[in-house]
Protein backbone atom coordinates (compact mmCIF):
# COMPACT_ATOMS: atom_id res chain seq x y z
CA LEU A 1 -0.21 0.12 -0.02
CA GLU A 2 2.62 1.79 1.07
CA THR A 3 4.85 1.61 -2.07
CA LYS A 4 1.29 1.96 -4.31
CA ILE A 5 0.13 5.23 -3.20
CA ALA A 6 3.89 6.80 -3.26
CA ALA A 7 4.24 6.32 -6.63
CA MET A 8 0.67 7.50 -7.26
CA PHE A 9 1.86 10.77 -5.97
CA GLY A 10 5.49 10.87 -7.24
CA MET A 11 6.79 10.42 -3.76
CA GLU A 12 9.84 8.71 -2.64
CA ALA A 13 8.11 6.89 0.19
CA ALA A 14 4.94 6.46 2.60
CA ILE A 15 3.94 5.39 6.30
CA TYR A 16 -0.09 4.01 6.81
CA CYS A 17 -1.32 5.73 10.01
CA PRO A 18 -4.14 5.16 12.30
CA SER A 19 -5.89 8.29 11.43
CA GLY A 20 -5.40 11.30 9.60
CA THR A 21 -4.96 13.11 12.77
CA MET A 22 -1.76 10.88 13.66
CA THR A 23 -0.56 11.51 9.71
CA ASN A 24 -0.87 15.87 9.93
CA GLN A 25 0.69 15.65 13.40
CA ILE A 26 3.84 13.15 12.37
CA ALA A 27 3.85 15.88 9.01
CA ILE A 28 4.03 19.07 10.90
CA LYS A 29 6.76 17.22 13.56
CA CYS A 30 8.68 16.18 10.54
CA PHE A 31 8.96 19.86 9.08
CA THR A 32 9.10 22.03 12.15
CA GLN A 33 11.63 22.76 15.75
CA PRO A 34 9.98 23.68 18.63
CA LEU A 35 9.18 27.83 18.81
CA ASP A 36 8.54 27.70 15.26
CA GLU A 37 5.43 28.86 13.29
CA LEU A 38 3.24 27.60 10.58
CA ILE A 39 0.92 29.17 8.44
CA ALA A 40 -2.23 27.81 7.57
CA ASP A 41 -6.02 29.07 7.00
CA GLN A 42 -8.44 29.73 10.09
CA THR A 43 -10.59 26.85 9.20
CA ALA A 44 -7.97 24.30 8.29
CA HIS A 45 -8.38 20.90 10.48
CA VAL A 46 -5.19 20.34 11.73
CA TYR A 47 -5.68 23.99 13.65
CA ARG A 48 -9.39 23.30 14.64
CA TYR A 49 -10.08 19.54 15.03
CA GLU A 50 -6.02 17.67 16.52
CA GLY A 51 -6.96 18.38 20.29
CA GLY A 52 -4.33 21.45 20.01
CA GLY A 53 -1.71 18.67 18.41
CA ILE A 54 0.44 21.51 17.03
CA ALA A 55 1.26 23.03 20.20
CA PHE A 56 1.35 19.81 22.15
CA ASN A 57 3.13 17.33 20.03
CA SER A 58 5.74 20.05 18.33
CA ALA A 59 5.28 23.04 20.98
CA VAL A 60 4.97 25.48 17.26
CA SER A 61 2.67 27.97 16.80
CA THR A 62 0.24 28.98 14.38
CA ARG A 63 -0.56 31.89 12.46
CA LEU A 64 -3.78 31.90 10.68
CA LEU A 65 -5.37 33.28 7.56
CA ASN A 66 -8.79 33.87 6.48
CA GLY A 67 -9.28 32.78 3.36
CA PRO A 68 -12.41 32.79 0.90
CA ARG A 69 -13.90 29.28 2.04
CA GLY A 70 -10.44 27.84 3.42
CA ILE A 71 -8.48 28.88 0.30
CA ILE A 72 -5.51 30.55 0.78
CA SER A 73 -3.28 32.26 -1.88
CA ALA A 74 0.59 32.93 -2.24
CA GLU A 75 0.07 36.52 -1.60
CA MET A 76 -1.81 35.81 1.62
CA ILE A 77 1.07 33.94 2.42
CA GLU A 78 4.05 36.12 1.77
CA PRO A 79 3.34 39.01 3.98
CA GLU A 80 2.90 36.94 6.93
CA ILE A 81 6.51 34.70 6.64
CA ASN A 82 8.00 36.51 9.83
CA ALA A 83 11.63 38.15 9.28
CA GLU A 84 14.78 36.31 10.73
CA ASN A 85 14.93 37.73 14.12
CA ILE A 86 14.88 36.46 17.30
CA HIS A 87 11.12 38.36 18.62
CA PHE A 88 9.47 36.46 15.94
CA PRO A 89 8.97 32.41 15.48
CA HIS A 90 10.79 31.20 12.75
CA THR A 91 8.23 29.87 9.72
CA SER A 92 9.04 26.88 8.39
CA LEU A 93 5.90 25.11 7.41
CA VAL A 94 2.70 26.19 5.31
CA VAL A 95 -0.39 23.65 5.87
CA LEU A 96 -3.05 23.75 2.67
CA GLU A 97 -5.99 21.59 2.91
CA ASN A 98 -7.56 20.10 0.13
CA THR A 99 -10.58 19.55 -0.04
CA VAL A 100 -11.53 22.08 2.26
CA ASN A 101 -13.78 20.49 5.34
CA LYS A 102 -15.31 23.80 6.34
CA GLY A 103 -15.50 25.39 3.09
CA GLY A 104 -17.79 23.12 1.78
CA GLY A 105 -15.63 20.80 0.37
CA ASN A 106 -14.16 23.33 -1.95
CA CYS A 107 -11.02 22.31 -4.04
CA TYR A 108 -7.87 24.06 -4.85
CA HIS A 109 -6.69 23.86 -8.39
CA LEU A 110 -3.19 23.04 -9.41
CA GLU A 111 -2.84 27.08 -10.49
CA GLN A 112 -3.49 27.88 -7.16
CA ILE A 113 -1.09 25.46 -5.85
CA LYS A 114 1.77 26.25 -7.76
CA PRO A 115 2.35 29.84 -6.80
CA ILE A 116 2.18 28.99 -3.32
CA ALA A 117 5.20 25.94 -3.95
CA ASP A 118 7.00 28.15 -5.59
CA LEU A 119 7.08 30.97 -2.53
CA CYS A 120 7.80 28.03 -0.62
CA ALA A 121 10.94 26.97 -2.51
CA LYS A 122 12.41 30.31 -2.43
CA ARG A 123 11.84 31.31 1.21
CA SER A 124 13.20 27.46 2.22
CA ILE A 125 9.44 26.80 4.02
CA LYS A 126 8.31 23.21 3.55
CA LEU A 127 4.31 22.47 1.99
CA HIS A 128 2.31 20.17 3.63
CA LEU A 129 -0.65 19.15 2.21
CA ASP A 130 -3.77 17.40 4.51
CA GLY A 131 -5.03 15.68 1.52
CA ALA A 132 -7.85 13.64 3.83
CA ARG A 133 -9.88 14.45 0.89
CA ILE A 134 -7.37 14.94 -1.89
CA PHE A 135 -9.02 12.25 -4.67
CA ASN A 136 -12.28 13.98 -3.99
CA ALA A 137 -10.03 17.11 -5.58
CA LEU A 138 -8.70 15.42 -8.41
CA ILE A 139 -11.98 14.31 -9.74
CA PHE A 140 -13.48 17.84 -9.47
CA THR A 141 -10.48 19.53 -11.25
CA GLY A 142 -9.38 16.91 -13.61
CA ASP A 143 -5.31 17.38 -11.73
CA GLN A 144 -3.34 14.61 -11.73
CA PRO A 145 -2.18 13.49 -8.26
CA LEU A 146 1.70 13.47 -9.47
CA ASP A 147 1.43 16.70 -10.35
CA TYR A 148 0.81 17.14 -6.54
CA GLY A 149 4.69 15.36 -6.12
CA THR A 150 6.26 18.21 -7.04
CA CYS A 151 4.51 20.44 -5.38
CA PHE A 152 4.70 19.15 -1.46
CA ASP A 153 7.10 18.20 0.88
CA GLY A 154 4.20 15.94 2.11
CA ILE A 155 1.23 14.94 1.62
CA SER A 156 -1.17 13.00 3.69
CA VAL A 157 -3.92 11.13 2.48
CA CYS A 158 -7.43 9.50 4.12
CA LEU A 159 -8.56 6.04 3.43
CA SER A 160 -11.30 5.97 5.55
CA LYS A 161 -13.70 8.95 4.11
CA GLY A 162 -14.70 8.68 0.40
CA LEU A 163 -12.40 5.99 -0.65
CA GLY A 164 -14.43 3.98 2.44
CA THR A 165 -11.55 1.99 3.83
CA PRO A 166 -12.30 0.27 7.43
CA VAL A 167 -9.47 2.97 8.93
CA GLY A 168 -6.35 4.77 7.97
CA SER A 169 -4.48 7.54 6.49
CA VAL A 170 -0.98 7.79 4.77
CA PHE A 171 1.80 10.39 4.85
CA LEU A 172 4.08 10.96 1.57
CA ALA A 173 6.99 12.44 2.09
CA ASP A 174 10.45 11.73 0.96
CA LYS A 175 12.75 8.41 2.37
CA ASN A 176 14.05 10.82 5.24
CA THR A 177 11.13 12.21 6.42
CA ILE A 178 9.39 9.12 6.49
CA LYS A 179 12.41 6.91 8.15
CA TYR A 180 11.28 9.72 10.94
CA ALA A 181 8.09 9.76 10.40
CA ARG A 182 8.32 5.81 11.44
CA ARG A 183 9.63 6.71 14.85
CA LEU A 184 6.85 9.14 15.53
CA ARG A 185 4.34 6.36 14.60
CA LYS A 186 6.00 4.45 17.06
CA VAL A 187 6.04 7.41 19.94
CA LEU A 188 2.33 8.34 19.37
CA GLY A 189 1.39 4.77 19.40
CA GLY A 190 0.45 4.19 15.69
CA GLY A 191 2.22 1.04 15.24
CA MET A 192 -0.40 -1.79 15.01
CA ARG A 193 -0.09 -5.37 14.57
CA GLN A 194 -1.81 -7.25 11.96
CA ALA A 195 -2.49 -4.54 9.79
CA GLY A 196 -2.10 -6.02 6.37
CA PHE A 197 -5.38 -6.60 6.13
CA LEU A 198 -6.53 -3.11 6.40
CA ALA A 199 -3.56 -2.00 3.86
CA ALA A 200 -5.47 -4.53 1.43
CA ALA A 201 -8.65 -2.71 1.60
CA GLY A 202 -6.69 0.72 0.94
CA ILE A 203 -4.95 -1.02 -2.22
CA TYR A 204 -8.73 -2.08 -3.13
CA ALA A 205 -9.93 1.16 -2.28
CA LEU A 206 -7.55 2.96 -4.69
CA ASP A 207 -7.90 0.66 -7.56
CA ASN A 208 -11.91 0.30 -7.45
CA HIS A 209 -13.14 3.59 -5.72
CA VAL A 210 -11.44 6.61 -6.82
CA ALA A 211 -13.39 7.54 -10.22
CA ARG A 212 -16.74 6.36 -8.79
CA LEU A 213 -16.21 9.49 -6.20
CA GLN A 214 -18.12 11.43 -8.97
CA GLN A 215 -21.03 9.59 -8.16
CA ASP A 216 -20.73 11.21 -4.70
CA HIS A 217 -20.85 14.43 -6.28
CA ASP A 218 -23.59 14.19 -8.79
CA HIS A 219 -25.56 13.33 -5.33
CA ALA A 220 -24.53 16.22 -3.78
CA THR A 221 -25.42 18.49 -6.28
CA LEU A 222 -28.77 16.83 -6.37
CA LEU A 223 -29.13 17.59 -2.55
CA GLU A 224 -27.42 21.30 -3.29
CA GLU A 225 -30.42 21.83 -5.72
CA THR A 226 -33.37 20.44 -3.49
CA LEU A 227 -31.60 22.48 -0.24
CA ASN A 228 -31.64 25.48 -2.54
CA SER A 229 -35.89 25.25 -3.58
CA CYS A 230 -36.78 24.64 0.50
CA ASN A 231 -37.97 27.85 1.99
CA TRP A 232 -36.66 26.32 5.28
CA VAL A 233 -32.93 27.15 4.03
CA THR A 234 -31.68 30.22 3.47
CA GLY A 235 -28.20 29.68 1.45
CA VAL A 236 -26.24 26.58 0.19
CA LEU A 237 -22.54 26.91 -0.29
CA LYS A 238 -21.87 25.93 -3.82
CA VAL A 239 -21.12 22.57 -4.30
CA GLU A 240 -17.88 21.33 -6.10
CA THR A 241 -17.69 17.58 -4.74
CA ASN A 242 -19.24 15.80 -1.48
CA ILE A 243 -19.80 17.84 0.99
CA ILE A 244 -22.80 20.48 1.27
CA ILE A 245 -23.27 22.77 3.57
CA PHE A 246 -26.25 25.14 4.02
CA ASP A 247 -27.88 27.73 6.33
CA THR A 248 -31.10 27.09 8.02
CA VAL A 249 -34.24 29.83 8.92
CA LYS A 250 -34.33 28.47 12.88
CA GLU A 251 -31.53 27.01 14.59
CA ALA A 252 -30.10 23.31 13.26
CA SER A 253 -30.93 22.01 16.81
CA TYR A 254 -34.65 22.46 15.64
CA TYR A 255 -34.01 20.61 12.30
CA LEU A 256 -31.67 17.81 13.10
CA PRO A 257 -34.07 15.78 15.13
CA LYS A 258 -36.49 15.79 12.70
CA LEU A 259 -33.67 14.64 10.17
CA ALA A 260 -33.09 11.35 12.20
CA GLU A 261 -36.82 10.93 12.84
CA LYS A 262 -36.62 10.22 8.62
CA GLY A 263 -33.09 8.17 9.22
CA ILE A 264 -31.16 11.31 7.56
CA LYS A 265 -27.89 11.67 9.42
CA ALA A 266 -26.43 15.22 9.76
CA THR A 267 -24.42 17.47 12.06
CA ALA A 268 -24.72 20.99 13.07
CA ASN A 269 -21.71 23.41 11.51
CA ASP A 270 -22.77 26.05 13.12
CA ILE A 271 -26.19 27.46 15.38
CA ARG A 272 -27.97 27.77 12.06
CA ARG A 273 -25.90 26.00 10.13
CA ILE A 274 -25.74 22.41 8.69
CA ARG A 275 -23.64 19.76 7.46
CA PHE A 276 -24.53 16.93 4.86
CA VAL A 277 -21.67 14.30 3.12
CA THR A 278 -22.68 11.67 0.83
CA HIS A 279 -20.60 8.63 -0.12
CA LEU A 280 -20.53 4.95 -1.62
CA ASP A 281 -22.47 3.63 0.80
CA VAL A 282 -25.41 6.44 0.17
CA ASP A 283 -27.72 4.51 -3.00
CA PRO A 284 -29.57 6.53 -5.72
CA ASP A 285 -32.69 5.66 -3.75
CA GLN A 286 -31.60 7.03 -0.29
CA ILE A 287 -30.78 9.70 -2.31
CA GLN A 288 -34.18 10.23 -3.32
CA TYR A 289 -35.75 9.47 -0.27
CA THR A 290 -33.44 12.26 1.32
CA ILE A 291 -34.73 14.60 -1.29
CA ASP A 292 -38.36 14.06 -1.14
CA SER A 293 -37.75 14.09 3.06
CA LEU A 294 -36.00 17.67 3.05
CA LYS A 295 -39.28 18.85 0.31
CA SER A 296 -41.28 17.77 3.63
CA LEU A 297 -39.69 20.27 5.90
CA ASN A 298 -40.93 23.18 3.91
CA GLU A 299 -43.39 24.95 5.69
């Protein structure tokens, strides 16, 4: 599995871990030193949803940017790179997320990434991709995984989201980085016994579950169209992949139980914001049932 996915992205090596949080935290530890600073968007998973691991595991501070729907640019990043001065933390890492979870599954295109990669190379800053849903982005943009290997120092790829495996995420980088990553995985408790059958599921998913992501995207678009016609919905973030985020007239806590009664699982993203995700376990009949159920909530 590690050899296969590293080759797909043109990277030298890879390491299989239990979770995307672990692969991201290992990457940050590999690419920084204590007292350094990384740059990321304020919606970034590494900042919001990894338990403060940046500070705890790596003793690194975070410079947060506010990009449109979580997409940051080289023009936004460059003025936030600290000068070499003992008063400032050393800027050593930029982290991008593709697709952007909090942004509603929206994507970076390669032409947006390349200027960031060029800036990081010029300033001797490492560039890591939280690619938990990278294959969704590739399906949407038509970009090729090999091109990503030329832009990033490290890439995390989740196997248990859109690809549908039981568990696992892979960190891709050069051989020396992955050698150190294996020590970090051990220290963090991520070394698993008898993990071959989990890795086998990852191989199967890479061979069989990438192209079918388009169906998830199509399903998400159908839900987007329906939600835009519902009078209890005030707005829907433009859908690009398999995440649907929408705002509601009343608080999300009012609608979630009603959806649950109909067997529809959703989460609140804010007081009046709800999130759906389509995936391989949701078939066309279930999408139609969901569409009918959403319409039934019209008041």
